[in-house]
Amino acid sequence: MDLSELLKSTAGQSIVKNVAGQLGMSQNEASSVVSLAIPAILEGMTKNVQSRDGAENLNKALESKHDGSLLDNLSGIFGGRTQELQQDGNGILNHVFGSNLAGVEQGISQKTGLSKNKIGPLLAILAPIVMAYLGKQKRQTNTGAGGLGDLLGSLIGGAQQKAKSGGGLVDMLGSALDKDGDGNPLNDILGGFLGKR
């Protein structure tokens, strides 16, 4: 399953519905933010694993705390553990984006028209879910620290490939986001904060 399939799946729709309810936004608003936020988090992780230390740190986190089991009980988490999820998510986001986090929030805010004070909590809720998804994919593919860059690339790239044939994540984001025509709207959202790859 690549990222676009996750977003369209029952689990993906459940995430959108619950996030909308938690943060007081419409499902359409939540969907537009989620479809930008998840690839943004993955893109940030992809940057991190380009260094050996970054890859090993992410690998350790995926083998211990973020093994994918979170995805088995999303309703229970949204049912009463949202604050715990957000605290965990804030730690993940600070690790992934560091001082660039405010800029990423601003970029997503500008693209969606939603205020930054809703984007931050939403990113924090999504980060542990993204980590769990990545952990599950890592287990299924038996990927080690050295292969995390390729795994992340396939999750993002697989979705982009589908978009070229009509559909998938990039299509959801909208070709209007691809300002420089490079086929990767994420660069246009995050390029100024994470640098072009």
C-alpha atoms as a PDB file:
ATOM      1  CA  MET A   1       0.000   0.000   0.000  1.00  0.00           C
ATOM      2  CA  ASP A   2       1.433   3.371  -0.919  1.00  0.00           C
ATOM      3  CA  LEU A   3       0.477   6.694   0.560  1.00  0.00           C
ATOM      4  CA  SER A   4      -2.387   7.496  -1.795  1.00  0.00           C
ATOM      5  CA  GLU A   5      -3.988   4.155  -0.949  1.00  0.00           C
ATOM      6  CA  LEU A   6      -3.645   4.872   2.773  1.00  0.00           C
ATOM      7  CA  LEU A   7      -5.365   8.236   2.358  1.00  0.00           C
ATOM      8  CA  LYS A   8      -8.265   6.668   0.426  1.00  0.00           C
ATOM      9  CA  SER A   9      -8.583   3.624   2.712  1.00  0.00           C
ATOM     10  CA  THR A  10     -11.095   3.161   5.521  1.00  0.00           C
ATOM     11  CA  ALA A  11      -8.288   3.935   8.001  1.00  0.00           C
ATOM     12  CA  GLY A  12      -7.438   7.113   6.103  1.00  0.00           C
ATOM     13  CA  GLN A  13     -11.050   8.247   6.077  1.00  0.00           C
ATOM     14  CA  SER A  14     -11.308   7.457   9.784  1.00  0.00           C
ATOM     15  CA  ILE A  15      -8.236   9.635  10.439  1.00  0.00           C
ATOM     16  CA  VAL A  16      -9.773  12.529   8.501  1.00  0.00           C
ATOM     17  CA  LYS A  17     -13.141  12.196  10.273  1.00  0.00           C
ATOM     18  CA  ASN A  18     -11.584  12.038  13.730  1.00  0.00           C
ATOM     19  CA  VAL A  19      -9.138  14.871  13.100  1.00  0.00           C
ATOM     20  CA  ALA A  20     -12.004  17.050  11.841  1.00  0.00           C
ATOM     21  CA  GLY A  21     -14.018  16.315  14.981  1.00  0.00           C
ATOM     22  CA  GLN A  22     -11.092  16.890  17.351  1.00  0.00           C
ATOM     23  CA  LEU A  23     -10.034  20.200  15.810  1.00  0.00           C
ATOM     24  CA  GLY A  24     -13.427  21.650  14.909  1.00  0.00           C
ATOM     25  CA  MET A  25     -13.038  21.741  11.145  1.00  0.00           C
ATOM     26  CA  SER A  26     -15.060  20.309   8.276  1.00  0.00           C
ATOM     27  CA  GLN A  27     -14.110  16.936   6.802  1.00  0.00           C
ATOM     28  CA  ASN A  28     -13.166  18.686   3.544  1.00  0.00           C
ATOM     29  CA  GLU A  29     -10.814  21.026   5.404  1.00  0.00           C
ATOM     30  CA  ALA A  30      -9.309  18.150   7.354  1.00  0.00           C
ATOM     31  CA  SER A  31      -8.903  16.084   4.181  1.00  0.00           C
ATOM     32  CA  SER A  32      -7.046  18.857   2.371  1.00  0.00           C
ATOM     33  CA  VAL A  33      -4.665  19.334   5.303  1.00  0.00           C
ATOM     34  CA  VAL A  34      -4.121  15.593   5.822  1.00  0.00           C
ATOM     35  CA  SER A  35      -3.333  15.078   2.123  1.00  0.00           C
ATOM     36  CA  LEU A  36      -0.578  17.716   2.407  1.00  0.00           C
ATOM     37  CA  ALA A  37       0.596  16.955   5.935  1.00  0.00           C
ATOM     38  CA  ILE A  38       1.276  13.228   5.568  1.00  0.00           C
ATOM     39  CA  PRO A  39       3.593  13.567   2.546  1.00  0.00           C
ATOM     40  CA  ALA A  40       5.231  16.605   4.177  1.00  0.00           C
ATOM     41  CA  ILE A  41       6.101  14.502   7.239  1.00  0.00           C
ATOM     42  CA  LEU A  42       7.414  11.687   5.023  1.00  0.00           C
ATOM     43  CA  GLU A  43       9.443  14.160   2.979  1.00  0.00           C
ATOM     44  CA  GLY A  44      10.981  15.516   6.198  1.00  0.00           C
ATOM     45  CA  MET A  45      11.871  11.977   7.274  1.00  0.00           C
ATOM     46  CA  THR A  46      13.416  11.343   3.862  1.00  0.00           C
ATOM     47  CA  LYS A  47      15.704  14.325   4.413  1.00  0.00           C
ATOM     48  CA  ASN A  48      16.678  12.997   7.850  1.00  0.00           C
ATOM     49  CA  VAL A  49      17.626   9.506   6.677  1.00  0.00           C
ATOM     50  CA  GLN A  50      20.105  10.886   4.174  1.00  0.00           C
ATOM     51  CA  SER A  51      22.577  10.930   7.083  1.00  0.00           C
ATOM     52  CA  ARG A  52      23.654   7.636   8.641  1.00  0.00           C
ATOM     53  CA  ASP A  53      22.819   8.843  12.157  1.00  0.00           C
ATOM     54  CA  GLY A  54      19.396  10.017  11.015  1.00  0.00           C
ATOM     55  CA  ALA A  55      18.653   6.666   9.394  1.00  0.00           C
ATOM     56  CA  GLU A  56      19.784   4.717  12.463  1.00  0.00           C
ATOM     57  CA  ASN A  57      17.754   6.919  14.834  1.00  0.00           C
ATOM     58  CA  LEU A  58      14.607   6.504  12.745  1.00  0.00           C
ATOM     59  CA  ASN A  59      15.229   2.760  12.447  1.00  0.00           C
ATOM     60  CA  LYS A  60      15.486   2.430  16.253  1.00  0.00           C
ATOM     61  CA  ALA A  61      12.255   4.376  16.750  1.00  0.00           C
ATOM     62  CA  LEU A  62      10.445   2.185  14.207  1.00  0.00           C
ATOM     63  CA  GLU A  63      11.703  -1.021  15.801  1.00  0.00           C
ATOM     64  CA  SER A  64      10.707  -0.034  19.316  1.00  0.00           C
ATOM     65  CA  LYS A  65       7.833   2.381  19.843  1.00  0.00           C
ATOM     66  CA  HIS A  66       6.482   2.841  16.304  1.00  0.00           C
ATOM     67  CA  ASP A  67       6.062  -0.713  15.065  1.00  0.00           C
ATOM     68  CA  GLY A  68       2.676  -0.203  13.384  1.00  0.00           C
ATOM     69  CA  SER A  69       0.470  -1.484  16.210  1.00  0.00           C
ATOM     70  CA  LEU A  70      -1.042   1.995  16.650  1.00  0.00           C
ATOM     71  CA  LEU A  71      -2.914   1.502  13.365  1.00  0.00           C
ATOM     72  CA  ASP A  72      -4.805  -1.459  14.847  1.00  0.00           C
ATOM     73  CA  ASN A  73      -6.646   0.731  17.360  1.00  0.00           C
ATOM     74  CA  LEU A  74      -7.137   4.177  15.846  1.00  0.00           C
ATOM     75  CA  SER A  75     -10.676   4.489  17.208  1.00  0.00           C
ATOM     76  CA  GLY A  76      -9.440   3.810  20.746  1.00  0.00           C
ATOM     77  CA  ILE A  77      -6.740   6.443  20.397  1.00  0.00           C
ATOM     78  CA  PHE A  78      -9.112   9.085  19.089  1.00  0.00           C
ATOM     79  CA  GLY A  79     -11.557   8.008  21.758  1.00  0.00           C
ATOM     80  CA  GLY A  80      -9.550   9.402  24.654  1.00  0.00           C
ATOM     81  CA  ARG A  81      -5.840   9.453  24.042  1.00  0.00           C
ATOM     82  CA  THR A  82      -5.576  12.364  21.610  1.00  0.00           C
ATOM     83  CA  GLN A  83      -3.506  14.457  24.013  1.00  0.00           C
ATOM     84  CA  GLU A  84      -1.017  11.611  24.434  1.00  0.00           C
ATOM     85  CA  LEU A  85      -0.895  11.230  20.643  1.00  0.00           C
ATOM     86  CA  GLN A  86      -0.245  14.958  20.217  1.00  0.00           C
ATOM     87  CA  GLN A  87       2.582  14.981  22.785  1.00  0.00           C
ATOM     88  CA  ASP A  88       4.239  12.088  21.008  1.00  0.00           C
ATOM     89  CA  GLY A  89       3.631  13.823  17.683  1.00  0.00           C
ATOM     90  CA  ASN A  90       5.209  17.088  18.829  1.00  0.00           C
ATOM     91  CA  GLY A  91       8.374  15.179  19.715  1.00  0.00           C
ATOM     92  CA  ILE A  92       8.417  13.482  16.306  1.00  0.00           C
ATOM     93  CA  LEU A  93       7.824  16.764  14.448  1.00  0.00           C
ATOM     94  CA  ASN A  94      10.600  18.547  16.335  1.00  0.00           C
ATOM     95  CA  HIS A  95      12.943  15.706  15.479  1.00  0.00           C
ATOM     96  CA  VAL A  96      11.896  15.592  11.807  1.00  0.00           C
ATOM     97  CA  PHE A  97      11.678  19.316  11.061  1.00  0.00           C
ATOM     98  CA  GLY A  98      13.618  20.987  13.881  1.00  0.00           C
ATOM     99  CA  SER A  99      13.617  24.750  13.509  1.00  0.00           C
ATOM    100  CA  ASN A 100      11.841  24.430  10.145  1.00  0.00           C
ATOM    101  CA  LEU A 101       8.579  23.235  11.739  1.00  0.00           C
ATOM    102  CA  ALA A 102       6.976  26.691  11.882  1.00  0.00           C
ATOM    103  CA  GLY A 103       7.786  27.206   8.210  1.00  0.00           C
ATOM    104  CA  VAL A 104       6.239  23.879   7.242  1.00  0.00           C
ATOM    105  CA  GLU A 105       3.092  24.762   9.220  1.00  0.00           C
ATOM    106  CA  GLN A 106       2.996  28.140   7.472  1.00  0.00           C
ATOM    107  CA  GLY A 107       3.390  26.509   4.042  1.00  0.00           C
ATOM    108  CA  ILE A 108       0.514  24.103   4.663  1.00  0.00           C
ATOM    109  CA  SER A 109      -1.572  26.928   6.116  1.00  0.00           C
ATOM    110  CA  GLN A 110      -1.037  29.025   2.969  1.00  0.00           C
ATOM    111  CA  LYS A 111      -1.948  26.125   0.662  1.00  0.00           C
ATOM    112  CA  THR A 112      -5.124  25.182   2.545  1.00  0.00           C
ATOM    113  CA  GLY A 113      -6.297  28.567   3.837  1.00  0.00           C
ATOM    114  CA  LEU A 114      -6.589  27.193   7.385  1.00  0.00           C
ATOM    115  CA  SER A 115      -4.994  28.993  10.308  1.00  0.00           C
ATOM    116  CA  LYS A 116      -1.634  27.839  11.628  1.00  0.00           C
ATOM    117  CA  ASN A 117      -3.152  27.244  15.076  1.00  0.00           C
ATOM    118  CA  LYS A 118      -5.129  24.338  13.554  1.00  0.00           C
ATOM    119  CA  ILE A 119      -2.282  23.037  11.366  1.00  0.00           C
ATOM    120  CA  GLY A 120       0.122  22.518  14.306  1.00  0.00           C
ATOM    121  CA  PRO A 121      -2.182  20.252  16.363  1.00  0.00           C
ATOM    122  CA  LEU A 122      -3.212  18.361  13.232  1.00  0.00           C
ATOM    123  CA  LEU A 123       0.425  17.669  12.301  1.00  0.00           C
ATOM    124  CA  ALA A 124       1.046  16.493  15.872  1.00  0.00           C
ATOM    125  CA  ILE A 125      -1.871  14.034  15.692  1.00  0.00           C
ATOM    126  CA  LEU A 126      -0.742  12.724  12.301  1.00  0.00           C
ATOM    127  CA  ALA A 127       2.980  12.279  13.054  1.00  0.00           C
ATOM    128  CA  PRO A 128       2.645   9.136  15.237  1.00  0.00           C
ATOM    129  CA  ILE A 129       0.172   7.675  12.715  1.00  0.00           C
ATOM    130  CA  VAL A 130       2.683   8.254   9.895  1.00  0.00           C
ATOM    131  CA  MET A 131       5.423   6.674  12.035  1.00  0.00           C
ATOM    132  CA  ALA A 132       3.182   3.662  12.724  1.00  0.00           C
ATOM    133  CA  TYR A 133       2.429   3.296   9.016  1.00  0.00           C
ATOM    134  CA  LEU A 134       6.134   3.492   8.184  1.00  0.00           C
ATOM    135  CA  GLY A 135       6.924   0.993  10.955  1.00  0.00           C
ATOM    136  CA  LYS A 136       4.373  -1.438   9.554  1.00  0.00           C
ATOM    137  CA  GLN A 137       5.780  -1.085   6.031  1.00  0.00           C
ATOM    138  CA  LYS A 138       9.309  -1.571   7.400  1.00  0.00           C
ATOM    139  CA  ARG A 139       8.261  -4.822   9.101  1.00  0.00           C
ATOM    140  CA  GLN A 140       6.432  -6.120   6.048  1.00  0.00           C
ATOM    141  CA  THR A 141       9.383  -5.415   3.741  1.00  0.00           C
ATOM    142  CA  ASN A 142      12.058  -6.378   6.307  1.00  0.00           C
ATOM    143  CA  THR A 143      13.863  -3.081   5.729  1.00  0.00           C
ATOM    144  CA  GLY A 144      16.906  -2.074   7.771  1.00  0.00           C
ATOM    145  CA  ALA A 145      18.297   1.400   8.495  1.00  0.00           C
ATOM    146  CA  GLY A 146      20.122   1.497   5.163  1.00  0.00           C
ATOM    147  CA  GLY A 147      16.924   0.908   3.191  1.00  0.00           C
ATOM    148  CA  LEU A 148      14.712   3.506   4.874  1.00  0.00           C
ATOM    149  CA  GLY A 149      15.430   6.169   2.249  1.00  0.00           C
ATOM    150  CA  ASP A 150      14.236   3.821  -0.500  1.00  0.00           C
ATOM    151  CA  LEU A 151      11.180   2.792   1.522  1.00  0.00           C
ATOM    152  CA  LEU A 152      10.214   6.413   2.135  1.00  0.00           C
ATOM    153  CA  GLY A 153      10.879   7.234  -1.512  1.00  0.00           C
ATOM    154  CA  SER A 154       8.598   4.417  -2.648  1.00  0.00           C
ATOM    155  CA  LEU A 155       5.773   5.628  -0.382  1.00  0.00           C
ATOM    156  CA  ILE A 156       6.020   9.152  -1.760  1.00  0.00           C
ATOM    157  CA  GLY A 157       7.139   8.222  -5.289  1.00  0.00           C
ATOM    158  CA  GLY A 158       4.547   5.488  -5.725  1.00  0.00           C
ATOM    159  CA  ALA A 159       1.845   8.035  -5.082  1.00  0.00           C
ATOM    160  CA  GLN A 160       3.440  10.472  -7.538  1.00  0.00           C
ATOM    161  CA  GLN A 161       3.678   7.758 -10.192  1.00  0.00           C
ATOM    162  CA  LYS A 162      -0.050   7.092  -9.889  1.00  0.00           C
ATOM    163  CA  ALA A 163      -0.744  10.793 -10.265  1.00  0.00           C
ATOM    164  CA  LYS A 164       0.956  10.818 -13.660  1.00  0.00           C
ATOM    165  CA  SER A 165      -1.577   8.282 -14.880  1.00  0.00           C
ATOM    166  CA  GLY A 166      -4.460  10.174 -13.289  1.00  0.00           C
ATOM    167  CA  GLY A 167      -5.288   9.802  -9.613  1.00  0.00           C
ATOM    168  CA  GLY A 168      -3.273   9.263  -6.483  1.00  0.00           C
ATOM    169  CA  LEU A 169      -1.835  11.662  -3.980  1.00  0.00           C
ATOM    170  CA  VAL A 170      -0.414  14.352  -6.234  1.00  0.00           C
ATOM    171  CA  ASP A 171      -3.740  14.507  -8.031  1.00  0.00           C
ATOM    172  CA  MET A 172      -5.410  15.040  -4.660  1.00  0.00           C
ATOM    173  CA  LEU A 173      -2.991  17.833  -3.901  1.00  0.00           C
ATOM    174  CA  GLY A 174      -3.773  19.390  -7.231  1.00  0.00           C
ATOM    175  CA  SER A 175      -1.419  20.207 -10.085  1.00  0.00           C
ATOM    176  CA  ALA A 176      -1.786  23.872  -9.154  1.00  0.00           C
ATOM    177  CA  LEU A 177       0.531  23.216  -6.230  1.00  0.00           C
ATOM    178  CA  ASP A 178       3.329  22.189  -8.588  1.00  0.00           C
ATOM    179  CA  LYS A 179       4.532  25.734  -9.207  1.00  0.00           C
ATOM    180  CA  ASP A 180       7.813  24.878 -10.941  1.00  0.00           C
ATOM    181  CA  GLY A 181       6.483  21.990 -13.055  1.00  0.00           C
ATOM    182  CA  ASP A 182       8.953  19.448 -11.654  1.00  0.00           C
ATOM    183  CA  GLY A 183       6.200  16.912 -10.941  1.00  0.00           C
ATOM    184  CA  ASN A 184       6.665  17.256  -7.183  1.00  0.00           C
ATOM    185  CA  PRO A 185       4.358  19.752  -5.474  1.00  0.00           C
ATOM    186  CA  LEU A 186       5.971  18.843  -2.139  1.00  0.00           C
ATOM    187  CA  ASN A 187       9.080  20.698  -3.227  1.00  0.00           C
ATOM    188  CA  ASP A 188       6.958  23.780  -3.744  1.00  0.00           C
ATOM    189  CA  ILE A 189       5.383  23.474  -0.308  1.00  0.00           C
ATOM    190  CA  LEU A 190       8.541  22.555   1.547  1.00  0.00           C
ATOM    191  CA  GLY A 191      11.359  23.582  -0.765  1.00  0.00           C
ATOM    192  CA  GLY A 192      12.075  26.806   1.059  1.00  0.00           C
ATOM    193  CA  PHE A 193      12.217  25.022   4.397  1.00  0.00           C
ATOM    194  CA  LEU A 194      13.863  21.711   3.606  1.00  0.00           C
ATOM    195  CA  GLY A 195      15.794  22.553   0.441  1.00  0.00           C
ATOM    196  CA  LYS A 196      15.274  20.916  -2.936  1.00  0.00           C
ATOM    197  CA  ARG A 197      16.255  17.287  -3.304  1.00  0.00           C
END
